[in-house]
Structure formats: structure tokens, C-alpha cells
Amino acid sequence: MSKSQNHYTVYNDEERLALLREFKMSGMGKHSFCKLHGIKSTSVLRYWEKKYVIEKEVVPLQSDCEEDEMANRSKDSYKDENAQLKKRIKELEKALQFSRLETLARDMMIDKAEEYFDIAIRKKSGAK
């Protein structure tokens, strides 16, 4: 399958892993992410997720590094780490904002559909 034949991009293993990481961090829906990156369908993305299991980072309860290692760190390493953490915070804030916008758009769409079709779409809290 070439891009010119069906308008979809063929990705190698490294690109697939990078796309999976980007998808996990983006907070986007599978359909919109696939459309944005030229992936044929969400089933392809699900297949990649099964094939390339991205393990969750495990945070140990106790630090493996000793106190001496912490004392010997330079100011530059602290600055680098701080810059990386600030960048990560900005990425997460952007993903959160996108998720909030998605929720707002979904709510607005449901409101408009309820008005247009004159039916209750949302489940009422007292329904049995």
C-alpha cells in the first residue's frame, strides 16, 4: 500500500511506536488521531496497541539512588530536569484543555440534538 494509491501513510515500527506515544499523550480520540495522521482506521491503531505494548512507568516507593548521588548533582542537571518537567507540565495542560474542549463540544452537540429532535438524550438521574 503506497500513499498515492489510497491516501494512507505506511509507517515503520519506530514511527508506529512514536505515534502510539503521541496518541497516549495527546488525549485525542482514536478516530480524530487516525484522521490527523493518515492512519487507515481505528482498528489499525488498536492492532498497534496490542502489538507494541507500551508498559506503564513503575514508580518505586523508595528511591534507588543514594543521598550521595543527590548531593553530587550539578546545578545544570537540576536546571535540565526542571526544564523537562516544565515542558511536560505544559504538554499535560494542553492535553487537559483539549479534553475539556472535547467535552464541551460533545455537551453542546447533545443540547442541540435535544432541541432539534425534541427528545431527551441524556439519562435522567431518577430513571429506573
Protein backbone atom coordinates (compact mmCIF):
# COMPACT_ATOMS: atom_id res chain seq x y z
CA MET A 1 0.00 0.00 0.00
CA SER A 2 1.51 3.25 -1.03
CA LYS A 3 0.33 6.68 -0.04
CA SER A 4 -0.59 7.60 -3.61
CA GLN A 5 -2.88 4.60 -4.03
CA ASN A 6 -5.19 5.04 -1.05
CA HIS A 7 -4.14 8.30 0.64
CA TYR A 8 -2.91 6.49 3.75
CA THR A 9 0.63 6.56 5.05
CA VAL A 10 2.66 3.42 5.65
CA TYR A 11 4.63 3.60 8.91
CA ASN A 12 7.64 1.58 10.05
CA ASP A 13 7.95 0.17 13.59
CA GLU A 14 9.74 3.20 15.05
CA GLU A 15 7.17 5.59 13.60
CA ARG A 16 4.34 3.42 14.94
CA LEU A 17 5.79 3.50 18.45
CA ALA A 18 6.25 7.25 18.26
CA LEU A 19 2.66 7.65 17.07
CA LEU A 20 1.38 5.44 19.89
CA ARG A 21 3.25 7.52 22.45
CA GLU A 22 1.90 10.71 20.89
CA PHE A 23 -1.63 9.27 20.90
CA LYS A 24 -1.39 8.33 24.58
CA MET A 25 -0.14 11.80 25.49
CA SER A 26 -2.48 13.76 23.23
CA GLY A 27 -5.76 12.87 24.86
CA MET A 28 -7.37 12.79 21.42
CA GLY A 29 -9.97 10.28 20.32
CA LYS A 30 -8.80 7.39 18.16
CA HIS A 31 -10.82 8.47 15.13
CA SER A 32 -9.57 12.05 15.08
CA PHE A 33 -5.98 10.96 15.77
CA CYS A 34 -6.09 8.43 12.90
CA LYS A 35 -7.55 11.02 10.55
CA LEU A 36 -4.90 13.57 11.54
CA HIS A 37 -2.01 11.16 10.93
CA GLY A 38 -3.32 9.32 7.87
CA ILE A 39 -3.94 6.03 9.64
CA LYS A 40 -6.49 3.93 7.76
CA SER A 41 -8.80 3.17 10.70
CA THR A 42 -9.01 2.93 14.47
CA SER A 43 -8.64 -0.85 14.19
CA VAL A 44 -5.10 -0.30 12.89
CA LEU A 45 -4.34 1.81 15.97
CA ARG A 46 -5.82 -0.87 18.26
CA TYR A 47 -3.69 -3.50 16.50
CA TRP A 48 -0.58 -1.40 17.08
CA GLU A 49 -1.52 -1.04 20.75
CA LYS A 50 -1.71 -4.82 21.10
CA LYS A 51 1.46 -5.44 19.08
CA TYR A 52 3.58 -2.76 20.74
CA VAL A 53 2.65 -2.89 24.39
CA ILE A 54 3.85 0.33 25.97
CA GLU A 55 4.37 -0.55 29.59
CA LYS A 56 3.38 1.97 32.21
CA GLU A 57 6.21 3.52 34.11
CA VAL A 58 6.55 1.99 37.55
CA VAL A 59 7.45 4.43 40.28
CA PRO A 60 9.28 2.75 43.16
CA LEU A 61 8.28 3.58 46.71
CA GLN A 62 11.87 4.05 47.78
CA SER A 63 14.46 5.84 45.72
CA ASP A 64 17.19 3.63 44.28
CA CYS A 65 19.75 6.43 44.24
CA GLU A 66 21.69 7.17 47.37
CA GLU A 67 21.86 10.52 49.14
CA ASP A 68 25.46 10.97 47.94
CA GLU A 69 24.32 10.88 44.32
CA MET A 70 21.75 13.56 45.05
CA ALA A 71 24.38 15.77 46.71
CA ASN A 72 26.80 15.40 43.78
CA ARG A 73 24.36 16.57 41.14
CA SER A 74 25.27 19.79 39.43
CA LYS A 75 23.08 22.85 39.09
CA ASP A 76 22.96 22.25 35.34
CA SER A 77 21.38 18.83 35.81
CA TYR A 78 18.77 20.37 38.11
CA LYS A 79 18.08 23.07 35.53
CA ASP A 80 17.77 20.50 32.74
CA GLU A 81 15.42 18.36 34.80
CA ASN A 82 13.39 21.41 35.76
CA ALA A 83 13.10 22.47 32.12
CA GLN A 84 11.99 18.98 31.10
CA LEU A 85 9.39 18.89 33.88
CA LYS A 86 8.04 22.31 32.89
CA LYS A 87 7.78 21.15 29.28
CA ARG A 88 5.92 18.01 30.41
CA ILE A 89 3.54 20.11 32.52
CA LYS A 90 2.75 22.32 29.51
CA GLU A 91 2.07 19.25 27.36
CA LEU A 92 -0.25 17.80 30.00
CA GLU A 93 -2.05 21.12 30.45
CA LYS A 94 -2.56 21.31 26.68
CA ALA A 95 -3.95 17.76 26.62
CA LEU A 96 -6.26 18.58 29.53
CA GLN A 97 -7.50 21.73 27.81
CA PHE A 98 -8.14 19.74 24.62
CA SER A 99 -10.07 17.15 26.60
CA ARG A 100 -12.17 19.87 28.21
CA LEU A 101 -12.93 21.34 24.79
CA GLU A 102 -13.95 17.91 23.52
CA THR A 103 -16.32 17.50 26.47
CA LEU A 104 -17.78 20.97 25.93
CA ALA A 105 -18.29 20.29 22.22
CA ARG A 106 -19.96 16.95 22.99
CA ASP A 107 -22.30 18.60 25.50
CA MET A 108 -23.20 21.34 23.03
CA MET A 109 -23.90 18.75 20.34
CA ILE A 110 -26.20 16.82 22.68
CA ASP A 111 -28.00 20.05 23.66
CA LYS A 112 -28.59 20.94 20.02
CA ALA A 113 -29.77 17.42 19.19
CA GLU A 114 -32.20 17.51 22.12
CA GLU A 115 -33.58 20.84 20.91
CA TYR A 116 -33.81 19.81 17.27
CA PHE A 117 -35.34 16.37 17.76
CA ASP A 118 -37.29 17.36 20.90
CA ILE A 119 -36.19 14.25 22.79
CA ALA A 120 -34.20 13.70 25.98
CA ILE A 121 -30.87 12.13 25.10
CA ARG A 122 -29.15 12.35 28.48
CA LYS A 123 -30.15 9.79 31.05
CA LYS A 124 -32.08 11.32 33.91
CA SER A 125 -30.75 10.63 37.41
CA GLY A 126 -34.10 9.33 38.67
CA ALA A 127 -34.71 6.89 35.80
CA LYS A 128 -35.12 3.22 36.65
